[in-house]
C-alpha atoms as a PDB file:
ATOM      1  CA  MET A   1     -17.692  15.358 -14.826  1.00  0.00           C
ATOM      2  CA  LEU A   2     -15.779  12.304 -15.964  1.00  0.00           C
ATOM      3  CA  LYS A   3     -16.338   9.322 -13.680  1.00  0.00           C
ATOM      4  CA  ILE A   4     -13.679   6.613 -13.374  1.00  0.00           C
ATOM      5  CA  LEU A   5     -14.624   3.298 -11.818  1.00  0.00           C
ATOM      6  CA  GLY A   6     -11.626   1.348 -10.555  1.00  0.00           C
ATOM      7  CA  ARG A   7      -9.135   1.048  -7.717  1.00  0.00           C
ATOM      8  CA  LYS A   8      -6.042   3.234  -8.004  1.00  0.00           C
ATOM      9  CA  THR A   9      -3.661   0.297  -7.437  1.00  0.00           C
ATOM     10  CA  SER A  10      -4.691  -1.319 -10.742  1.00  0.00           C
ATOM     11  CA  SER A  11      -2.115  -0.676 -13.468  1.00  0.00           C
ATOM     12  CA  ASN A  12      -4.898  -0.307 -16.024  1.00  0.00           C
ATOM     13  CA  VAL A  13      -6.631   2.287 -13.876  1.00  0.00           C
ATOM     14  CA  GLN A  14      -3.306   4.061 -13.363  1.00  0.00           C
ATOM     15  CA  LYS A  15      -3.005   4.579 -17.120  1.00  0.00           C
ATOM     16  CA  VAL A  16      -6.308   6.453 -17.174  1.00  0.00           C
ATOM     17  CA  LEU A  17      -5.569   8.479 -14.046  1.00  0.00           C
ATOM     18  CA  TRP A  18      -2.122   9.447 -15.339  1.00  0.00           C
ATOM     19  CA  CYS A  19      -3.620  10.439 -18.685  1.00  0.00           C
ATOM     20  CA  CYS A  20      -6.123  12.680 -16.913  1.00  0.00           C
ATOM     21  CA  GLY A  21      -3.330  14.167 -14.827  1.00  0.00           C
ATOM     22  CA  GLU A  22      -1.249  15.016 -17.882  1.00  0.00           C
ATOM     23  CA  ILE A  23      -4.245  16.647 -19.530  1.00  0.00           C
ATOM     24  CA  GLY A  24      -5.390  18.444 -16.383  1.00  0.00           C
ATOM     25  CA  LEU A  25      -8.797  16.805 -16.683  1.00  0.00           C
ATOM     26  CA  ALA A  26     -11.003  16.755 -13.593  1.00  0.00           C
ATOM     27  CA  PHE A  27     -12.599  13.448 -12.639  1.00  0.00           C
ATOM     28  CA  GLU A  28     -14.330  11.553  -9.880  1.00  0.00           C
ATOM     29  CA  ARG A  29     -13.030   8.085  -9.063  1.00  0.00           C
ATOM     30  CA  SER A  30     -14.781   5.260  -7.224  1.00  0.00           C
ATOM     31  CA  ASP A  31     -13.028   2.248  -5.713  1.00  0.00           C
ATOM     32  CA  VAL A  32     -14.124  -0.829  -7.632  1.00  0.00           C
ATOM     33  CA  GLY A  33     -12.384  -4.191  -8.008  1.00  0.00           C
ATOM     34  CA  GLY A  34      -9.772  -6.029  -5.984  1.00  0.00           C
ATOM     35  CA  PRO A  35     -10.391  -5.782  -2.240  1.00  0.00           C
ATOM     36  CA  PHE A  36     -13.236  -3.328  -2.828  1.00  0.00           C
ATOM     37  CA  GLY A  37     -15.299  -5.679  -4.978  1.00  0.00           C
ATOM     38  CA  GLY A  38     -18.319  -4.286  -6.765  1.00  0.00           C
ATOM     39  CA  ASN A  39     -17.148  -5.347 -10.205  1.00  0.00           C
ATOM     40  CA  GLN A  40     -19.424  -8.393 -10.378  1.00  0.00           C
ATOM     41  CA  THR A  41     -22.648  -6.659  -9.417  1.00  0.00           C
ATOM     42  CA  PRO A  42     -25.465  -6.490 -11.975  1.00  0.00           C
ATOM     43  CA  GLU A  43     -25.093  -2.711 -12.035  1.00  0.00           C
ATOM     44  CA  TYR A  44     -21.401  -2.812 -12.877  1.00  0.00           C
ATOM     45  CA  LEU A  45     -21.729  -5.657 -15.367  1.00  0.00           C
ATOM     46  CA  ALA A  46     -24.346  -3.626 -17.191  1.00  0.00           C
ATOM     47  CA  LEU A  47     -21.611  -1.048 -17.780  1.00  0.00           C
ATOM     48  CA  ASN A  48     -18.730  -3.463 -18.367  1.00  0.00           C
ATOM     49  CA  PRO A  49     -19.724  -7.077 -19.062  1.00  0.00           C
ATOM     50  CA  ASN A  50     -16.120  -8.199 -18.482  1.00  0.00           C
ATOM     51  CA  GLY A  51     -16.304  -7.260 -14.822  1.00  0.00           C
ATOM     52  CA  LEU A  52     -12.873  -5.623 -15.022  1.00  0.00           C
ATOM     53  CA  VAL A  53     -11.556  -2.140 -14.309  1.00  0.00           C
ATOM     54  CA  PRO A  54     -11.428   0.595 -15.355  1.00  0.00           C
ATOM     55  CA  THR A  55     -14.715   1.752 -16.773  1.00  0.00           C
ATOM     56  CA  ILE A  56     -15.453   5.393 -17.442  1.00  0.00           C
ATOM     57  CA  ASP A  57     -18.685   7.334 -17.731  1.00  0.00           C
ATOM     58  CA  ASP A  58     -18.139  10.563 -19.648  1.00  0.00           C
ATOM     59  CA  ASP A  59     -21.463  12.387 -19.472  1.00  0.00           C
ATOM     60  CA  GLY A  60     -23.348   9.193 -20.252  1.00  0.00           C
ATOM     61  CA  PHE A  61     -20.808   7.719 -22.680  1.00  0.00           C
ATOM     62  CA  VAL A  62     -19.581   4.494 -21.096  1.00  0.00           C
ATOM     63  CA  LEU A  63     -16.266   3.026 -22.190  1.00  0.00           C
ATOM     64  CA  TRP A  64     -14.002   0.198 -21.004  1.00  0.00           C
ATOM     65  CA  GLU A  65     -10.582  -1.208 -22.006  1.00  0.00           C
ATOM     66  CA  SER A  66      -7.818   0.961 -20.569  1.00  0.00           C
ATOM     67  CA  ASN A  67      -5.855   1.680 -23.740  1.00  0.00           C
ATOM     68  CA  THR A  68      -9.048   2.559 -25.601  1.00  0.00           C
ATOM     69  CA  ILE A  69      -9.989   4.927 -22.790  1.00  0.00           C
ATOM     70  CA  VAL A  70      -6.565   6.582 -23.007  1.00  0.00           C
ATOM     71  CA  ARG A  71      -6.961   6.963 -26.781  1.00  0.00           C
ATOM     72  CA  TYR A  72     -10.414   8.466 -26.349  1.00  0.00           C
ATOM     73  CA  LEU A  73      -9.397  10.959 -23.667  1.00  0.00           C
ATOM     74  CA  ALA A  74      -6.231  11.934 -25.529  1.00  0.00           C
ATOM     75  CA  ALA A  75      -8.134  12.434 -28.800  1.00  0.00           C
ATOM     76  CA  ARG A  76     -10.846  14.460 -27.109  1.00  0.00           C
ATOM     77  CA  HIS A  77      -8.715  16.602 -24.811  1.00  0.00           C
ATOM     78  CA  ALA A  78      -5.085  16.439 -25.981  1.00  0.00           C
ATOM     79  CA  SER A  79      -5.100  16.401 -29.770  1.00  0.00           C
ATOM     80  CA  GLY A  80      -1.677  17.473 -30.999  1.00  0.00           C
ATOM     81  CA  SER A  81       0.132  16.322 -27.870  1.00  0.00           C
ATOM     82  CA  LEU A  82      -0.785  12.995 -26.263  1.00  0.00           C
ATOM     83  CA  TRP A  83      -2.806  12.178 -29.385  1.00  0.00           C
ATOM     84  CA  PRO A  84      -0.526  13.082 -32.324  1.00  0.00           C
ATOM     85  CA  THR A  85      -2.285  14.707 -35.246  1.00  0.00           C
ATOM     86  CA  ASP A  86       0.330  13.462 -37.693  1.00  0.00           C
ATOM     87  CA  ILE A  87      -1.075  10.121 -38.804  1.00  0.00           C
ATOM     88  CA  ARG A  88       2.285   8.348 -38.853  1.00  0.00           C
ATOM     89  CA  ARG A  89       3.268   9.486 -35.374  1.00  0.00           C
ATOM     90  CA  ARG A  90      -0.181   8.494 -34.165  1.00  0.00           C
ATOM     91  CA  ALA A  91       0.181   5.063 -35.750  1.00  0.00           C
ATOM     92  CA  ASP A  92       3.573   4.706 -34.054  1.00  0.00           C
ATOM     93  CA  ALA A  93       2.045   5.514 -30.664  1.00  0.00           C
ATOM     94  CA  ASP A  94      -0.818   3.108 -31.401  1.00  0.00           C
ATOM     95  CA  ARG A  95       1.666   0.383 -32.239  1.00  0.00           C
ATOM     96  CA  TRP A  96       3.359   0.641 -28.840  1.00  0.00           C
ATOM     97  CA  MET A  97      -0.007   0.659 -27.074  1.00  0.00           C
ATOM     98  CA  ASP A  98      -0.935  -2.593 -28.810  1.00  0.00           C
ATOM     99  CA  TRP A  99       2.538  -4.019 -28.128  1.00  0.00           C
ATOM    100  CA  GLN A 100       2.062  -3.326 -24.430  1.00  0.00           C
ATOM    101  CA  GLN A 101      -1.058  -5.473 -24.397  1.00  0.00           C
ATOM    102  CA  THR A 102       0.192  -8.315 -26.577  1.00  0.00           C
ATOM    103  CA  THR A 103       3.908  -8.606 -25.747  1.00  0.00           C
ATOM    104  CA  LEU A 104       4.934  -6.853 -22.535  1.00  0.00           C
ATOM    105  CA  GLY A 105       1.721  -7.078 -20.549  1.00  0.00           C
ATOM    106  CA  PRO A 106       1.256 -10.869 -20.312  1.00  0.00           C
ATOM    107  CA  PRO A 107       4.645 -11.769 -18.746  1.00  0.00           C
ATOM    108  CA  MET A 108       4.557  -8.683 -16.526  1.00  0.00           C
ATOM    109  CA  GLY A 109       1.162  -9.801 -15.266  1.00  0.00           C
ATOM    110  CA  VAL A 110       2.570 -13.186 -14.273  1.00  0.00           C
ATOM    111  CA  LEU A 111       5.546 -11.595 -12.512  1.00  0.00           C
ATOM    112  CA  PHE A 112       3.382  -9.122 -10.654  1.00  0.00           C
ATOM    113  CA  ARG A 113       0.944 -11.763  -9.450  1.00  0.00           C
ATOM    114  CA  ALA A 114       3.747 -14.088  -8.343  1.00  0.00           C
ATOM    115  CA  LEU A 115       6.233 -11.613  -6.853  1.00  0.00           C
ATOM    116  CA  LEU A 116       4.518  -8.348  -5.938  1.00  0.00           C
ATOM    117  CA  ARG A 117       0.898  -9.155  -5.152  1.00  0.00           C
ATOM    118  CA  SER A 118       0.070  -9.815  -1.499  1.00  0.00           C
ATOM    119  CA  PRO A 119      -0.934 -12.539  -1.034  1.00  0.00           C
ATOM    120  CA  ALA A 120       0.966 -13.870  -4.030  1.00  0.00           C
ATOM    121  CA  ASP A 121      -0.668 -16.089  -6.621  1.00  0.00           C
ATOM    122  CA  ALA A 122       0.650 -19.611  -6.924  1.00  0.00           C
ATOM    123  CA  VAL A 123       2.663 -19.747 -10.154  1.00  0.00           C
ATOM    124  CA  GLU A 124       4.510 -22.819 -11.371  1.00  0.00           C
ATOM    125  CA  PRO A 125       8.318 -22.334 -11.420  1.00  0.00           C
ATOM    126  CA  ALA A 126       8.500 -23.034 -15.166  1.00  0.00           C
ATOM    127  CA  GLU A 127       5.845 -20.408 -15.859  1.00  0.00           C
ATOM    128  CA  LEU A 128       7.646 -17.899 -13.660  1.00  0.00           C
ATOM    129  CA  GLU A 129      10.977 -18.464 -15.422  1.00  0.00           C
ATOM    130  CA  SER A 130       9.287 -18.150 -18.808  1.00  0.00           C
ATOM    131  CA  ALA A 131       7.699 -14.869 -17.736  1.00  0.00           C
ATOM    132  CA  LYS A 132      11.083 -13.520 -16.608  1.00  0.00           C
ATOM    133  CA  ARG A 133      12.646 -14.347 -19.975  1.00  0.00           C
ATOM    134  CA  ARG A 134       9.764 -12.951 -22.003  1.00  0.00           C
ATOM    135  CA  ALA A 135       9.598  -9.740 -19.987  1.00  0.00           C
ATOM    136  CA  ALA A 136      13.360  -9.216 -20.241  1.00  0.00           C
ATOM    137  CA  SER A 137      13.193  -9.773 -23.995  1.00  0.00           C
ATOM    138  CA  ALA A 138      10.343  -7.291 -24.339  1.00  0.00           C
ATOM    139  CA  PHE A 139      12.125  -4.652 -22.273  1.00  0.00           C
ATOM    140  CA  SER A 140      15.225  -5.132 -24.434  1.00  0.00           C
ATOM    141  CA  ILE A 141      13.105  -4.310 -27.497  1.00  0.00           C
ATOM    142  CA  LEU A 142      11.826  -1.211 -25.739  1.00  0.00           C
ATOM    143  CA  ASP A 143      15.374  -0.251 -24.766  1.00  0.00           C
ATOM    144  CA  VAL A 144      16.411  -0.267 -28.429  1.00  0.00           C
ATOM    145  CA  GLN A 145      13.416   1.892 -29.356  1.00  0.00           C
ATOM    146  CA  LEU A 146      14.228   4.408 -26.627  1.00  0.00           C
ATOM    147  CA  GLY A 147      17.708   4.684 -28.091  1.00  0.00           C
ATOM    148  CA  ARG A 148      16.093   6.111 -31.220  1.00  0.00           C
ATOM    149  CA  SER A 149      13.864   8.701 -29.544  1.00  0.00           C
ATOM    150  CA  ARG A 150      13.348  10.358 -26.186  1.00  0.00           C
ATOM    151  CA  PHE A 151       9.884   8.865 -25.773  1.00  0.00           C
ATOM    152  CA  VAL A 152       8.412   5.734 -27.325  1.00  0.00           C
ATOM    153  CA  ALA A 153       6.896   7.465 -30.339  1.00  0.00           C
ATOM    154  CA  GLY A 154       9.139  10.468 -30.826  1.00  0.00           C
ATOM    155  CA  PRO A 155      10.537  13.476 -28.988  1.00  0.00           C
ATOM    156  CA  ASP A 156       7.429  14.153 -26.895  1.00  0.00           C
ATOM    157  CA  LEU A 157       5.222  12.222 -24.488  1.00  0.00           C
ATOM    158  CA  THR A 158       2.262  10.555 -26.218  1.00  0.00           C
ATOM    159  CA  MET A 159      -0.470   8.081 -25.406  1.00  0.00           C
ATOM    160  CA  GLY A 160       2.065   5.370 -26.253  1.00  0.00           C
ATOM    161  CA  ASP A 161       4.079   6.295 -23.167  1.00  0.00           C
ATOM    162  CA  ILE A 162       0.901   6.401 -21.076  1.00  0.00           C
ATOM    163  CA  ALA A 163       0.063   2.808 -21.989  1.00  0.00           C
ATOM    164  CA  LEU A 164       3.584   1.562 -21.258  1.00  0.00           C
ATOM    165  CA  GLY A 165       4.688   3.798 -18.420  1.00  0.00           C
ATOM    166  CA  PHE A 166       3.439   1.755 -15.480  1.00  0.00           C
ATOM    167  CA  ALA A 167       5.588  -1.212 -16.546  1.00  0.00           C
ATOM    168  CA  PRO A 168       9.108   0.097 -15.710  1.00  0.00           C
ATOM    169  CA  HIS A 169       7.937   1.140 -12.258  1.00  0.00           C
ATOM    170  CA  ARG A 170       6.959  -2.453 -11.528  1.00  0.00           C
ATOM    171  CA  TRP A 171       9.890  -3.971 -13.423  1.00  0.00           C
ATOM    172  CA  PHE A 172      12.542  -2.162 -11.431  1.00  0.00           C
ATOM    173  CA  ILE A 173      11.122  -3.214  -8.069  1.00  0.00           C
ATOM    174  CA  LEU A 174      10.777  -6.901  -8.949  1.00  0.00           C
ATOM    175  CA  PRO A 175      13.082  -9.087  -6.814  1.00  0.00           C
ATOM    176  CA  ILE A 176      14.801 -10.623  -9.861  1.00  0.00           C
ATOM    177  CA  GLU A 177      17.976 -10.198 -11.876  1.00  0.00           C
ATOM    178  CA  ARG A 178      17.483  -7.874 -14.825  1.00  0.00           C
ATOM    179  CA  PRO A 179      19.483  -7.142 -17.965  1.00  0.00           C
ATOM    180  CA  SER A 180      21.121  -3.762 -18.394  1.00  0.00           C
ATOM    181  CA  LEU A 181      18.503  -1.390 -19.813  1.00  0.00           C
ATOM    182  CA  PRO A 182      20.086   2.079 -19.744  1.00  0.00           C
ATOM    183  CA  ARG A 183      17.573   3.727 -22.072  1.00  0.00           C
ATOM    184  CA  VAL A 184      14.567   2.316 -20.253  1.00  0.00           C
ATOM    185  CA  GLU A 185      16.135   3.522 -17.007  1.00  0.00           C
ATOM    186  CA  ARG A 186      16.610   6.999 -18.499  1.00  0.00           C
ATOM    187  CA  TRP A 187      12.994   7.047 -19.718  1.00  0.00           C
ATOM    188  CA  TYR A 188      11.729   5.900 -16.322  1.00  0.00           C
ATOM    189  CA  ARG A 189      13.706   8.662 -14.579  1.00  0.00           C
ATOM    190  CA  GLU A 190      12.145  11.219 -16.911  1.00  0.00           C
ATOM    191  CA  LEU A 191       8.676   9.855 -16.248  1.00  0.00           C
ATOM    192  CA  CYS A 192       9.310  10.128 -12.513  1.00  0.00           C
ATOM    193  CA  GLU A 193       9.966  13.842 -12.979  1.00  0.00           C
ATOM    194  CA  ARG A 194       6.382  14.318 -14.182  1.00  0.00           C
ATOM    195  CA  PRO A 195       4.014  15.241 -11.305  1.00  0.00           C
ATOM    196  CA  ALA A 196       1.072  13.285 -12.750  1.00  0.00           C
ATOM    197  CA  TYR A 197       3.184  10.130 -13.092  1.00  0.00           C
ATOM    198  CA  ARG A 198       4.473  10.419  -9.530  1.00  0.00           C
ATOM    199  CA  GLU A 199       0.959  10.917  -8.209  1.00  0.00           C
ATOM    200  CA  HIS A 200      -0.880   8.229 -10.131  1.00  0.00           C
ATOM    201  CA  VAL A 201       1.764   5.556 -10.750  1.00  0.00           C
ATOM    202  CA  VAL A 202       4.676   5.861  -8.328  1.00  0.00           C
ATOM    203  CA  SER A 203       2.620   6.783  -5.271  1.00  0.00           C
ATOM    204  CA  ALA A 204      -0.362   4.510  -5.953  1.00  0.00           C
END
């Protein structure tokens, strides 16, 4: 059985759990990281030298990096749905997965650590304001994209949505002013209708 190492409150772990839920893939999860620790032990570092979560063990195949894990599970278990078989649609989904890591993820990480984590990290006011602007700009880009298609890479849910989907849940509960994002709001409402998303993202 697939083993997932990582605490369920981690957004990167949530991606993997939600992916498994959409596929209907059974797994065992162990609490690692955050208040549970265990991610700096020699045993864990032998699996993931970064000391981060998640890490998976799929019948002896060990893999880390959340978006890579989502790609792997989608390709293995959900080819034609979460993992598009059309190469252009797959490239489109890949693009949004990379964009999540390079563009949306960094400012959202700052905002989460400063405004939602308990206890909060100390973040300089200038850095916090910069993160607000950069996150709002990124979400505006996503809002335009979601005006072109129901999901980020076309009419159906793909691995691109899995990589990005945790972000609106956190964005809309941040205690900040936000620009109008009607298409992101529509997308988020649709995600919330999915049982696996509610279980592994909203309720985590």
